[in-house]
Amino acid sequence: MKGDIPTGPGFESIVVGKPVRITDNAAIMLIADALLQTRATPLPAQLTEAGSEAVPQKPARRKYRNTPTDGYASAKEAKRAGELALLEMAGKITDLREQVRFPLIVNDVLVCNYDADFVYNENGEKVVEDVKSVATRKNRAYRIKCKLLRACYGITIRET
């Protein structure tokens, strides 16, 4: 159907079925307008004109199907944060900190960072704790970061 194919500046190089990178803003707006006229559902807000109503986006499915809860990455992590807060109030642990970053440096080169869920003192010893599911514990990148943390800082992660 010839009438369905947009025409105008920036459309000369479009071949149906082949991806094309378009960098001209005017061409992008023409394409957005053409799609808005032919689609039953509107485009995301970032492709429509400024000030138009935002289209609610369906949240992306998470790799390990965890559900963010109360600002934590998972319900399990939120529950553990509550437990640790109670332990700190009871005086069993001290200096509770969350999301502590450890730079993992080898031969003066920053390899990566390890972000611990919780760091606290228990019986005078520093504890680095991470809340992990069984599937996440098997993650190769996580296992390597655990080994690097042990090699760089002498810290073994407590997994809960």
Protein backbone atom coordinates (compact mmCIF):
# COMPACT_ATOMS: atom_id res chain seq x y z
CA MET A 1 0.00 0.00 0.00
CA LYS A 2 1.78 3.05 -1.26
CA GLY A 3 -0.20 5.46 0.94
CA ASP A 4 1.09 3.83 4.16
CA ILE A 5 4.78 4.62 3.43
CA PRO A 6 5.79 8.07 4.73
CA THR A 7 7.35 10.51 2.29
CA GLY A 8 9.28 13.75 2.67
CA PRO A 9 12.76 14.88 3.73
CA GLY A 10 14.77 12.08 5.30
CA PHE A 11 12.65 9.29 3.80
CA GLU A 12 14.49 8.94 0.48
CA SER A 13 16.86 6.25 1.80
CA ILE A 14 14.25 4.12 3.58
CA VAL A 15 13.86 0.64 2.16
CA VAL A 16 11.01 -1.30 3.73
CA GLY A 17 12.29 -4.12 5.91
CA LYS A 18 15.86 -2.82 6.36
CA PRO A 19 17.01 -0.92 9.47
CA VAL A 20 18.21 2.63 8.88
CA ARG A 21 19.89 4.98 11.39
CA ILE A 22 18.32 8.42 11.16
CA THR A 23 20.08 11.29 12.90
CA ASP A 24 18.16 14.27 11.54
CA ASN A 25 15.64 15.50 14.17
CA ALA A 26 13.18 16.70 11.54
CA ALA A 27 13.18 13.25 9.92
CA ILE A 28 12.66 11.60 13.29
CA MET A 29 9.65 13.83 13.99
CA LEU A 30 8.20 13.03 10.53
CA ILE A 31 8.57 9.32 11.23
CA ALA A 32 6.99 9.71 14.67
CA ASP A 33 4.06 11.63 13.17
CA ALA A 34 3.61 9.01 10.42
CA LEU A 35 3.66 6.20 12.97
CA LEU A 36 1.19 8.01 15.20
CA GLN A 37 -1.22 8.25 12.27
CA THR A 38 -0.91 4.53 11.40
CA ARG A 39 -0.67 2.96 14.88
CA ALA A 40 -3.61 2.26 17.13
CA THR A 41 -1.44 2.69 20.24
CA PRO A 42 0.61 5.84 20.87
CA LEU A 43 4.40 5.95 20.90
CA PRO A 44 6.41 6.34 24.13
CA ALA A 45 6.58 9.90 25.44
CA GLN A 46 10.24 10.39 24.47
CA LEU A 47 9.35 10.08 20.76
CA THR A 48 6.29 12.32 20.82
CA GLU A 49 6.22 16.10 20.99
CA ALA A 50 7.28 17.79 24.21
CA GLY A 51 4.46 18.32 26.67
CA SER A 52 2.33 15.44 25.42
CA GLU A 53 0.89 12.91 27.83
CA ALA A 54 3.35 10.19 28.90
CA VAL A 55 2.46 6.63 27.98
CA PRO A 56 2.78 4.27 30.96
CA GLN A 57 5.57 1.79 30.30
CA LYS A 58 5.30 -1.84 31.34
CA PRO A 59 8.21 -2.56 33.71
CA ALA A 60 10.88 -4.80 32.25
CA ARG A 61 10.95 -8.32 33.62
CA ARG A 62 13.89 -8.77 35.96
CA LYS A 63 16.45 -11.47 35.26
CA TYR A 64 16.00 -13.28 38.57
CA ARG A 65 12.31 -12.28 38.94
CA ASN A 66 12.95 -10.36 42.16
CA THR A 67 10.45 -7.69 43.12
CA PRO A 68 11.85 -4.35 44.36
CA THR A 69 10.42 -3.67 47.82
CA ASP A 70 10.71 -0.56 50.01
CA GLY A 71 13.73 0.73 48.07
CA TYR A 72 15.57 -2.61 48.17
CA ALA A 73 16.36 -4.86 45.21
CA SER A 74 14.15 -7.67 46.51
CA ALA A 75 11.65 -8.52 49.22
CA LYS A 76 14.24 -10.86 50.72
CA GLU A 77 16.77 -8.01 50.98
CA ALA A 78 14.15 -5.69 52.52
CA LYS A 79 13.31 -8.35 55.12
CA ARG A 80 16.99 -8.83 55.98
CA ALA A 81 17.46 -5.05 56.31
CA GLY A 82 14.66 -5.01 58.88
CA GLU A 83 16.24 -7.89 60.79
CA LEU A 84 19.64 -6.19 60.85
CA ALA A 85 18.09 -2.90 62.00
CA LEU A 86 16.50 -4.74 64.93
CA LEU A 87 19.83 -6.42 65.75
CA GLU A 88 21.53 -3.02 65.73
CA MET A 89 18.86 -1.55 68.03
CA ALA A 90 19.34 -4.55 70.37
CA GLY A 91 23.11 -3.94 70.41
CA LYS A 92 24.04 -7.29 68.78
CA ILE A 93 25.68 -5.52 65.82
CA THR A 94 27.08 -2.01 65.33
CA ASP A 95 27.88 0.40 62.48
CA LEU A 96 25.30 -1.01 60.04
CA ARG A 97 25.74 0.41 56.53
CA GLU A 98 23.94 -0.44 53.30
CA GLN A 99 25.14 -0.63 49.69
CA VAL A 100 28.83 -0.20 50.48
CA ARG A 101 31.09 -0.07 47.42
CA PHE A 102 34.44 -1.85 47.38
CA PRO A 103 36.73 -0.96 44.44
CA LEU A 104 38.50 -4.13 43.29
CA ILE A 105 41.96 -3.02 42.17
CA VAL A 106 44.59 -5.43 40.83
CA ASN A 107 48.10 -4.17 39.90
CA ASP A 108 46.92 -0.56 40.19
CA VAL A 109 44.08 -1.21 37.72
CA LEU A 110 40.44 -0.89 38.75
CA VAL A 111 38.97 -4.19 37.57
CA CYS A 112 35.44 -3.59 38.85
CA ASN A 113 33.47 -2.58 41.93
CA TYR A 114 31.67 -4.83 44.36
CA ASP A 115 28.56 -3.38 46.01
CA ALA A 116 27.78 -5.18 49.26
CA ASP A 117 24.20 -5.15 50.49
CA PHE A 118 25.20 -4.73 54.15
CA VAL A 119 28.37 -4.09 56.13
CA TYR A 120 28.41 -4.12 59.93
CA ASN A 121 30.49 -5.05 62.97
CA GLU A 122 29.59 -8.19 64.88
CA ASN A 123 31.61 -9.20 67.97
CA GLY A 124 34.36 -6.81 66.92
CA GLU A 125 34.70 -8.26 63.39
CA LYS A 126 33.71 -6.59 60.12
CA VAL A 127 30.98 -8.54 58.30
CA VAL A 128 30.16 -8.06 54.61
CA GLU A 129 26.77 -9.57 53.84
CA ASP A 130 24.92 -10.09 50.60
CA VAL A 131 21.37 -11.35 50.18
CA LYS A 132 21.34 -13.77 47.26
CA SER A 133 18.98 -16.33 45.81
CA VAL A 134 20.27 -19.77 44.87
CA ALA A 135 20.27 -18.77 41.19
CA THR A 136 22.21 -15.55 41.81
CA ARG A 137 24.84 -17.34 43.89
CA LYS A 138 25.70 -19.37 40.79
CA ASN A 139 26.18 -16.25 38.65
CA ARG A 140 29.70 -16.33 37.22
CA ALA A 141 30.38 -12.59 37.53
CA TYR A 142 29.24 -12.64 41.16
CA ARG A 143 31.52 -15.60 41.95
CA ILE A 144 34.52 -13.80 40.39
CA LYS A 145 33.78 -10.63 42.38
CA CYS A 146 33.64 -12.71 45.59
CA LYS A 147 37.09 -14.11 44.83
CA LEU A 148 38.47 -10.66 43.97
CA LEU A 149 37.08 -9.23 47.22
CA ARG A 150 38.76 -12.02 49.17
CA ALA A 151 42.06 -11.50 47.29
CA CYS A 152 42.07 -7.69 47.55
CA TYR A 153 40.68 -7.18 51.06
CA GLY A 154 40.80 -10.58 52.75
CA ILE A 155 37.01 -10.41 53.18
CA THR A 156 34.72 -13.41 52.75
CA ILE A 157 31.12 -12.53 51.94
CA ARG A 158 28.39 -13.86 54.19
CA GLU A 159 25.55 -14.93 51.90
CA THR A 160 22.03 -14.98 53.31
